[in-house]
N, C-alpha and C. Protein backbone atom coordinates (compact mmCIF):
# COMPACT_ATOMS: atom_id res chain seq x y z
N MET A 1 -11.38 10.33 -3.71
CA MET A 1 -10.57 10.64 -2.82
C MET A 1 -9.33 9.41 -3.34
N THR A 2 -9.76 8.15 -3.72
CA THR A 2 -8.39 7.02 -4.50
C THR A 2 -7.95 7.99 -5.56
N THR A 3 -8.23 8.39 -6.49
CA THR A 3 -7.62 9.46 -7.09
C THR A 3 -6.44 10.36 -7.17
N ALA A 4 -6.58 11.50 -6.36
CA ALA A 4 -6.13 12.07 -5.48
C ALA A 4 -4.81 11.17 -4.84
N TYR A 5 -4.97 9.84 -3.82
CA TYR A 5 -4.13 9.47 -3.11
C TYR A 5 -3.46 8.58 -4.21
N TYR A 6 -4.10 7.98 -5.09
CA TYR A 6 -3.15 7.33 -5.86
C TYR A 6 -1.81 8.27 -6.65
N LYS A 7 -2.81 9.29 -7.22
CA LYS A 7 -1.52 10.67 -8.00
C LYS A 7 -0.46 10.85 -7.12
N ARG A 8 -0.39 10.64 -5.69
CA ARG A 8 0.84 11.09 -4.92
C ARG A 8 1.12 9.92 -4.67
N ALA A 9 0.50 8.67 -4.78
CA ALA A 9 2.17 7.65 -4.50
C ALA A 9 2.24 7.57 -5.54
N ILE A 10 1.99 8.05 -7.01
CA ILE A 10 3.17 7.88 -8.08
C ILE A 10 4.30 8.61 -7.95
N VAL A 11 3.65 9.85 -7.13
CA VAL A 11 5.00 11.46 -7.20
C VAL A 11 5.89 11.13 -6.63
N ALA A 12 5.42 10.13 -4.86
CA ALA A 12 6.46 9.60 -4.04
C ALA A 12 7.24 8.27 -4.97
N GLN A 13 6.43 7.41 -5.91
CA GLN A 13 7.47 6.34 -6.30
C GLN A 13 8.29 6.89 -6.89
N GLN A 14 8.21 8.08 -7.87
CA GLN A 14 9.03 8.76 -8.45
C GLN A 14 9.98 9.16 -7.98
N VAL A 15 10.32 9.43 -6.59
CA VAL A 15 10.90 10.08 -5.80
C VAL A 15 12.08 9.26 -5.19
N VAL A 16 11.36 8.53 -4.75
CA VAL A 16 12.54 7.26 -3.94
C VAL A 16 11.92 5.95 -4.08
N ASN A 17 10.94 6.12 -5.19
CA ASN A 17 11.39 4.15 -5.38
C ASN A 17 10.90 3.14 -4.31
N CYS A 18 9.47 3.84 -3.66
CA CYS A 18 8.88 2.96 -2.33
C CYS A 18 7.52 2.12 -2.55
N LEU A 19 7.09 2.16 -3.94
CA LEU A 19 6.19 1.07 -4.52
C LEU A 19 6.57 -0.06 -5.10
N THR A 20 5.79 -1.09 -4.94
CA THR A 20 5.85 -2.41 -5.19
C THR A 20 4.78 -2.93 -6.22
N GLU A 21 3.81 -2.34 -6.32
CA GLU A 21 2.56 -2.41 -7.19
C GLU A 21 1.72 -1.37 -7.56
N ILE A 22 1.34 -0.60 -7.92
CA ILE A 22 -0.02 0.14 -8.46
C ILE A 22 -1.00 0.04 -8.78
N PHE A 23 -1.92 -0.66 -8.44
CA PHE A 23 -3.37 -1.14 -8.59
C PHE A 23 -4.75 -0.13 -8.66
N VAL A 24 -4.85 1.09 -9.93
CA VAL A 24 -4.98 1.76 -9.91
C VAL A 24 -6.80 1.33 -10.40
N GLU A 25 -6.76 0.72 -11.09
CA GLU A 25 -8.03 0.29 -11.79
C GLU A 25 -8.79 -0.75 -11.04
N GLN A 26 -7.80 -1.41 -10.20
CA GLN A 26 -8.49 -2.27 -9.07
C GLN A 26 -9.15 -1.06 -7.74
N ALA A 27 -8.32 -0.85 -7.56
CA ALA A 27 -9.11 0.27 -6.66
C ALA A 27 -9.91 1.69 -6.84
N LEU A 28 -9.80 2.40 -8.16
CA LEU A 28 -11.04 2.69 -8.64
C LEU A 28 -12.72 1.77 -9.08
N ALA A 29 -11.85 0.20 -9.28
CA ALA A 29 -13.24 0.23 -9.41
C ALA A 29 -13.99 -0.43 -7.85
N ARG A 30 -13.26 -0.43 -7.05
CA ARG A 30 -13.75 -0.76 -5.76
C ARG A 30 -14.11 0.77 -4.89
N ALA A 31 -13.67 1.93 -5.19
CA ALA A 31 -13.99 2.85 -4.80
C ALA A 31 -15.95 3.10 -5.58
N ALA A 32 -15.74 2.97 -6.69
CA ALA A 32 -17.18 3.52 -7.58
C ALA A 32 -18.17 2.25 -7.07
N LYS A 33 -17.33 0.91 -6.83
CA LYS A 33 -18.94 0.24 -6.15
C LYS A 33 -19.21 0.64 -4.48
N LEU A 34 -18.29 1.10 -3.67
CA LEU A 34 -18.87 1.62 -2.82
C LEU A 34 -19.76 2.87 -2.62
N ASP A 35 -19.24 3.99 -3.25
CA ASP A 35 -19.89 4.88 -3.91
C ASP A 35 -21.18 4.68 -4.40
N ALA A 36 -21.79 3.63 -5.21
CA ALA A 36 -22.77 3.04 -5.87
C ALA A 36 -23.60 2.64 -4.51
N HIS A 37 -22.79 1.74 -3.46
CA HIS A 37 -23.65 1.32 -1.95
C HIS A 37 -23.99 2.81 -1.23
N LEU A 38 -23.36 3.39 -1.54
CA LEU A 38 -23.46 4.83 -0.49
C LEU A 38 -24.83 4.92 -0.76
N LYS A 39 -25.01 5.45 -2.19
CA LYS A 39 -26.06 5.80 -2.87
C LYS A 39 -27.15 5.09 -2.89
N GLU A 40 -26.84 4.53 -3.22
CA GLU A 40 -28.70 3.34 -3.06
C GLU A 40 -29.05 2.99 -1.71
N THR A 41 -28.34 2.82 -0.99
CA THR A 41 -28.94 2.66 0.54
C THR A 41 -28.90 3.67 1.31
N GLY A 42 -27.63 4.67 1.37
CA GLY A 42 -27.58 5.75 2.17
C GLY A 42 -26.65 5.23 3.55
N LYS A 43 -26.15 4.24 3.35
CA LYS A 43 -25.13 3.63 4.46
C LYS A 43 -24.09 3.12 3.62
N VAL A 44 -22.70 3.76 4.64
CA VAL A 44 -21.79 3.05 4.72
C VAL A 44 -21.38 1.72 5.06
N VAL A 45 -20.18 1.40 4.46
CA VAL A 45 -20.09 -0.28 4.20
C VAL A 45 -19.50 -0.42 5.73
N GLY A 46 -18.77 0.56 5.98
CA GLY A 46 -17.91 0.31 7.56
C GLY A 46 -17.26 1.67 8.07
N PRO A 47 -16.43 1.46 8.69
CA PRO A 47 -15.77 2.40 9.24
C PRO A 47 -15.05 2.99 8.42
N LEU A 48 -14.41 2.42 7.65
CA LEU A 48 -13.18 2.86 6.84
C LEU A 48 -13.45 3.29 5.11
N HIS A 49 -15.18 3.15 4.95
CA HIS A 49 -15.61 3.64 3.62
C HIS A 49 -14.68 4.05 3.46
N GLY A 50 -14.45 3.88 1.76
CA GLY A 50 -13.59 5.22 0.81
C GLY A 50 -12.34 5.05 1.21
N LEU A 51 -11.90 4.52 2.39
CA LEU A 51 -10.61 5.21 2.82
C LEU A 51 -9.61 4.60 1.78
N PRO A 52 -8.76 5.26 1.32
CA PRO A 52 -7.77 4.67 0.18
C PRO A 52 -6.54 4.00 1.23
N ILE A 53 -5.74 2.85 1.17
CA ILE A 53 -4.98 1.86 2.37
C ILE A 53 -3.64 1.70 1.68
N SER A 54 -3.06 1.87 1.54
CA SER A 54 -1.26 1.83 1.50
C SER A 54 -1.14 0.12 2.04
N LEU A 55 -0.95 -0.96 1.49
CA LEU A 55 -0.45 -2.29 2.54
C LEU A 55 0.79 -2.78 1.68
N LYS A 56 1.85 -2.92 2.52
CA LYS A 56 2.80 -3.47 2.17
C LYS A 56 3.43 -4.55 1.61
N ASP A 57 4.16 -4.94 0.87
CA ASP A 57 4.30 -5.92 -0.30
C ASP A 57 4.80 -7.53 0.80
N GLN A 58 4.03 -7.73 1.92
CA GLN A 58 3.82 -8.94 2.73
C GLN A 58 2.51 -9.95 2.60
N LEU A 59 1.02 -8.78 2.66
CA LEU A 59 0.27 -9.17 2.69
C LEU A 59 -0.53 -9.75 1.12
N CYS A 60 -1.09 -10.69 1.20
CA CYS A 60 -1.48 -11.42 -0.03
C CYS A 60 -2.68 -10.49 -0.34
N ILE A 61 -2.46 -10.33 -1.86
CA ILE A 61 -4.31 -9.88 -2.00
C ILE A 61 -4.54 -10.78 -3.42
N LYS A 62 -5.65 -11.02 -3.70
CA LYS A 62 -6.30 -12.22 -4.51
C LYS A 62 -5.43 -11.45 -6.20
N GLY A 63 -4.69 -12.33 -6.86
CA GLY A 63 -4.37 -12.06 -7.90
C GLY A 63 -3.08 -11.11 -8.05
N LEU A 64 -2.94 -10.79 -7.34
CA LEU A 64 -1.23 -10.06 -7.36
C LEU A 64 -0.40 -10.87 -6.78
N GLU A 65 0.93 -10.06 -6.87
CA GLU A 65 2.27 -11.13 -6.53
C GLU A 65 2.54 -10.46 -4.93
N THR A 66 2.98 -11.62 -4.13
CA THR A 66 2.73 -11.06 -2.99
C THR A 66 4.78 -11.18 -3.13
N THR A 67 5.84 -10.89 -2.96
CA THR A 67 7.19 -11.09 -3.10
C THR A 67 7.89 -11.33 -1.89
N MET A 68 7.72 -9.93 -1.13
CA MET A 68 8.11 -9.66 0.41
C MET A 68 9.54 -9.11 -0.15
N GLY A 69 10.13 -8.77 -1.18
CA GLY A 69 11.19 -8.74 -2.15
C GLY A 69 12.34 -9.83 -2.36
N TYR A 70 11.66 -10.99 -2.33
CA TYR A 70 12.21 -12.53 -2.60
C TYR A 70 12.44 -12.48 -4.15
N VAL A 71 13.21 -12.09 -4.99
CA VAL A 71 13.25 -12.67 -6.19
C VAL A 71 12.56 -14.05 -6.91
N THR A 72 12.93 -15.39 -5.85
CA THR A 72 12.58 -16.48 -6.34
C THR A 72 10.90 -16.27 -6.38
N TRP A 73 10.06 -14.97 -5.49
CA TRP A 73 8.75 -15.16 -5.59
C TRP A 73 8.14 -14.38 -6.67
N ILE A 74 8.60 -14.25 -7.56
CA ILE A 74 8.14 -13.30 -8.93
C ILE A 74 7.45 -14.36 -9.54
N GLY A 75 5.97 -13.83 -10.04
CA GLY A 75 5.32 -14.55 -10.84
C GLY A 75 4.42 -15.73 -10.15
N LYS A 76 4.18 -15.77 -8.85
CA LYS A 76 3.63 -16.17 -7.94
C LYS A 76 2.50 -15.52 -7.78
N TYR A 77 1.17 -15.41 -7.81
CA TYR A 77 0.48 -14.93 -7.95
C TYR A 77 -0.63 -15.35 -6.65
N SER A 78 -1.51 -14.61 -6.04
CA SER A 78 -2.07 -14.78 -4.81
C SER A 78 -3.56 -15.14 -5.23
N GLU A 79 -3.91 -16.81 -4.60
CA GLU A 79 -5.24 -17.33 -5.34
C GLU A 79 -6.21 -16.60 -4.11
N HIS A 80 -5.48 -15.96 -3.31
CA HIS A 80 -6.83 -15.52 -2.09
C HIS A 80 -6.10 -14.31 -1.36
N ASP A 81 -7.01 -13.53 -0.59
CA ASP A 81 -7.03 -12.51 -0.07
C ASP A 81 -5.87 -13.13 1.34
N ALA A 82 -5.20 -12.18 1.94
CA ALA A 82 -4.80 -12.57 3.78
C ALA A 82 -5.93 -12.04 4.42
N VAL A 83 -6.17 -13.08 5.25
CA VAL A 83 -7.19 -12.14 6.89
C VAL A 83 -7.92 -10.93 6.42
N LEU A 84 -6.40 -10.01 6.89
CA LEU A 84 -6.63 -8.51 7.26
C LEU A 84 -7.05 -7.68 5.92
N VAL A 85 -6.46 -8.57 4.83
CA VAL A 85 -7.26 -7.42 3.71
C VAL A 85 -8.81 -8.02 3.90
N GLU A 86 -9.20 -9.41 3.83
CA GLU A 86 -10.41 -9.20 4.09
C GLU A 86 -11.47 -8.73 4.99
N ILE A 87 -10.82 -8.36 6.27
CA ILE A 87 -11.42 -7.97 6.95
C ILE A 87 -10.86 -6.33 6.42
N LEU A 88 -9.85 -5.46 5.74
CA LEU A 88 -10.08 -4.21 5.75
C LEU A 88 -11.37 -4.23 4.55
N TYR A 89 -11.54 -5.06 3.57
CA TYR A 89 -12.67 -5.00 2.56
C TYR A 89 -14.13 -4.52 3.20
N GLU A 90 -14.14 -5.92 4.61
CA GLU A 90 -15.07 -5.88 5.10
C GLU A 90 -15.42 -4.28 5.86
N LEU A 91 -14.94 -3.67 6.21
CA LEU A 91 -14.65 -1.93 6.69
C LEU A 91 -14.66 -1.12 6.08
N GLY A 92 -14.47 -1.63 4.79
CA GLY A 92 -15.13 -0.42 3.44
C GLY A 92 -13.45 0.22 2.95
N ALA A 93 -12.51 -0.09 3.37
CA ALA A 93 -11.24 0.30 2.94
C ALA A 93 -11.27 -0.01 0.97
N VAL A 94 -10.20 1.00 0.79
CA VAL A 94 -9.88 0.68 -0.09
C VAL A 94 -8.02 0.35 -0.92
N PRO A 95 -7.78 -0.73 -0.88
CA PRO A 95 -6.23 -0.93 -1.21
C PRO A 95 -5.87 -0.15 -2.16
N PHE A 96 -5.21 0.16 -2.42
CA PHE A 96 -4.35 0.85 -4.18
C PHE A 96 -3.45 0.85 -4.01
N VAL A 97 -2.13 0.51 -3.30
CA VAL A 97 -0.69 0.71 -3.59
C VAL A 97 -0.17 -0.74 -2.79
N ARG A 98 0.79 -1.11 -3.25
CA ARG A 98 2.03 -2.08 -2.30
C ARG A 98 2.98 -1.34 -2.23
N THR A 99 3.49 -1.05 -0.94
CA THR A 99 4.96 -0.58 -0.81
C THR A 99 5.78 -1.68 -0.49
N ASN A 100 6.97 -1.15 -0.38
CA ASN A 100 8.50 -1.71 -0.63
C ASN A 100 8.78 -2.05 0.78
N VAL A 101 9.21 -3.09 0.74
CA VAL A 101 10.25 -3.96 2.03
C VAL A 101 11.21 -4.66 1.71
N PRO A 102 12.33 -4.58 2.92
CA PRO A 102 13.69 -5.00 3.20
C PRO A 102 13.13 -6.58 2.75
N GLN A 103 14.12 -7.19 1.76
CA GLN A 103 14.46 -8.39 1.90
C GLN A 103 14.04 -9.43 3.23
N THR A 104 13.53 -9.91 3.51
CA THR A 104 13.26 -11.05 4.32
C THR A 104 12.00 -9.91 5.77
N LEU A 105 12.00 -8.83 5.54
CA LEU A 105 11.53 -7.79 6.82
C LEU A 105 12.05 -7.31 7.37
N ILE A 106 13.93 -7.20 7.33
CA ILE A 106 14.41 -6.79 7.95
C ILE A 106 14.62 -5.21 8.38
N VAL A 107 14.78 -4.51 9.45
CA VAL A 107 14.34 -3.43 9.93
C VAL A 107 15.69 -2.49 9.15
N SER A 108 14.99 -1.73 8.49
CA SER A 108 16.31 -0.86 8.02
C SER A 108 15.64 1.00 7.48
N VAL A 109 16.57 1.82 7.57
CA VAL A 109 16.06 3.26 7.32
C VAL A 109 16.06 3.14 5.83
N ASN A 110 17.02 2.97 5.55
CA ASN A 110 17.50 3.13 4.00
C ASN A 110 18.23 1.65 3.59
N PHE A 111 17.18 0.80 2.68
CA PHE A 111 17.00 -0.40 2.45
C PHE A 111 17.24 -0.31 0.89
N GLU A 112 17.74 -1.58 0.90
CA GLU A 112 17.50 -2.16 -1.03
C GLU A 112 17.31 -3.35 -1.06
N ALA A 113 16.54 -3.73 -1.65
CA ALA A 113 15.67 -5.34 -1.76
C ALA A 113 16.25 -5.54 -3.37
N PRO A 114 16.71 -6.56 -3.49
CA PRO A 114 17.15 -6.98 -4.74
C PRO A 114 15.78 -6.88 -5.64
N LEU A 115 14.54 -6.90 -5.46
CA LEU A 115 14.16 -7.36 -6.45
C LEU A 115 13.53 -5.84 -7.03
N HIS A 116 13.09 -4.73 -6.03
CA HIS A 116 12.26 -3.86 -5.99
C HIS A 116 13.60 -2.50 -6.04
N CYS A 117 14.86 -2.81 -5.66
CA CYS A 117 16.10 -1.51 -5.48
C CYS A 117 15.96 -0.72 -4.62
N ALA A 118 16.77 -0.02 -4.98
CA ALA A 118 16.71 0.60 -3.13
C ALA A 118 15.24 1.79 -2.98
N THR A 119 15.13 1.90 -1.88
CA THR A 119 13.75 2.87 -1.36
C THR A 119 14.75 3.76 -0.53
N ASP A 120 15.14 5.24 -0.55
CA ASP A 120 16.09 6.08 0.00
C ASP A 120 15.13 6.93 0.51
N GLU A 121 14.66 7.36 1.79
CA GLU A 121 13.99 8.38 1.68
C GLU A 121 14.58 9.36 3.04
N SER A 122 16.34 9.45 3.26
CA SER A 122 16.92 10.24 3.96
C SER A 122 16.89 11.36 3.43
N ILE A 123 16.10 12.02 2.28
CA ILE A 123 15.95 13.32 2.56
C ILE A 123 14.64 14.18 2.60
N TYR A 124 13.84 12.96 3.29
CA TYR A 124 12.81 13.57 3.67
C TYR A 124 12.83 13.46 5.24
N SER A 125 13.99 13.05 5.89
CA SER A 125 13.60 11.87 7.28
C SER A 125 13.64 13.16 7.83
N ILE A 126 14.02 14.71 7.68
CA ILE A 126 13.85 15.71 8.94
C ILE A 126 12.50 16.28 8.93
N PHE A 127 11.76 15.83 8.33
CA PHE A 127 9.92 15.98 7.81
C PHE A 127 9.44 15.34 8.99
N SER A 128 9.43 14.07 9.23
CA SER A 128 9.07 13.14 9.65
C SER A 128 9.45 12.08 10.66
N TYR A 129 9.17 11.41 10.96
CA TYR A 129 9.97 10.76 12.47
C TYR A 129 9.90 8.82 11.95
N TYR A 130 10.97 7.74 12.86
CA TYR A 130 10.96 6.96 12.55
C TYR A 130 9.82 6.00 12.19
N ALA A 131 9.92 4.96 11.31
CA ALA A 131 8.73 4.02 10.90
C ALA A 131 9.43 2.90 10.64
N TYR A 132 8.38 1.76 10.40
CA TYR A 132 9.28 0.81 10.66
C TYR A 132 10.08 0.06 9.20
N SER A 133 9.82 0.80 7.98
CA SER A 133 10.85 0.78 7.15
C SER A 133 10.63 1.84 6.08
N GLY A 134 11.66 2.29 5.38
CA GLY A 134 11.82 2.69 4.60
C GLY A 134 10.66 3.84 4.03
N GLU A 135 9.53 3.00 2.89
CA GLU A 135 8.77 3.08 2.09
C GLU A 135 7.46 3.93 3.40
N ARG A 136 6.86 3.11 4.56
CA ARG A 136 5.93 3.82 5.02
C ARG A 136 6.97 5.09 5.62
N HIS A 137 7.91 5.53 5.89
CA HIS A 137 8.70 6.39 6.40
C HIS A 137 8.53 7.67 5.13
N THR A 138 8.82 7.36 3.96
CA THR A 138 8.94 8.27 3.20
C THR A 138 7.72 8.54 2.99
N ILE A 139 6.28 8.11 2.73
CA ILE A 139 5.00 8.53 2.28
C ILE A 139 4.83 9.11 3.26
N MET A 140 4.74 8.27 4.61
CA MET A 140 4.72 10.14 5.38
C MET A 140 5.00 10.86 5.46
N SER A 141 6.44 11.75 4.92
CA SER A 141 7.24 12.13 5.34
C SER A 141 7.00 13.17 4.07
N LEU A 142 6.27 12.99 2.87
CA LEU A 142 6.17 13.25 2.00
C LEU A 142 4.32 14.02 2.24
N GLU A 143 4.25 14.12 3.55
CA GLU A 143 2.61 14.01 3.94
C GLU A 143 1.40 13.88 3.32
N GLU A 144 1.95 12.20 3.01
CA GLU A 144 0.73 11.48 2.64
C GLU A 144 -0.28 11.37 3.90
N ARG A 145 -1.11 11.69 4.10
CA ARG A 145 -2.00 10.96 5.00
C ARG A 145 -2.79 9.84 4.81
N LEU A 146 -1.84 8.93 4.31
CA LEU A 146 -2.53 7.67 3.96
C LEU A 146 -2.37 6.59 5.56
N ILE A 147 -3.49 5.55 5.33
CA ILE A 147 -3.00 4.39 6.59
C ILE A 147 -2.71 3.20 5.95
N LEU A 148 -1.08 3.10 6.81
CA LEU A 148 -0.58 1.78 6.34
C LEU A 148 -0.26 0.77 6.97
N ILE A 149 -1.04 -0.39 6.25
CA ILE A 149 -1.13 -1.63 7.28
C ILE A 149 -0.28 -2.10 7.37
N THR A 150 0.52 -2.66 8.94
CA THR A 150 1.96 -3.88 8.37
C THR A 150 1.37 -5.02 9.60
N ALA A 151 1.94 -5.83 8.91
CA ALA A 151 1.76 -6.89 9.87
C ALA A 151 3.18 -7.37 10.69
N ILE A 152 3.21 -7.01 11.67
CA ILE A 152 4.08 -7.34 12.54
C ILE A 152 4.13 -8.83 13.40
């Protein structure tokens, strides 16, 4: 399932520039670990077992940059996971991409962050509903059935 989700997310990225980071290898390793656990024990890790999840670029993931759209935060890699990310891991989730956010998280339907450029989902807006920011709206309107975690 993770492979199907990341391939669809890559298509969304090519169309509207909605992702800041795609960490396929890490996600596939996590999915394989969860599959092995299920095969060995016959039990799921939690209610989100194996579910690919997109996280906004405001939640720290160990070993990845969390820029929130700030150019000055480039190259600052997180040494730990955010509490929400830890909880998602405990529930069995498989984070696989990071989505763009407007600089300082100011709400905007179409926005341009200096770091990752514009996310433009306006061509898909008739197929979806208003969401917190452009990338979330875009992925949902591209008929992705992803769970997107937003710290509000």
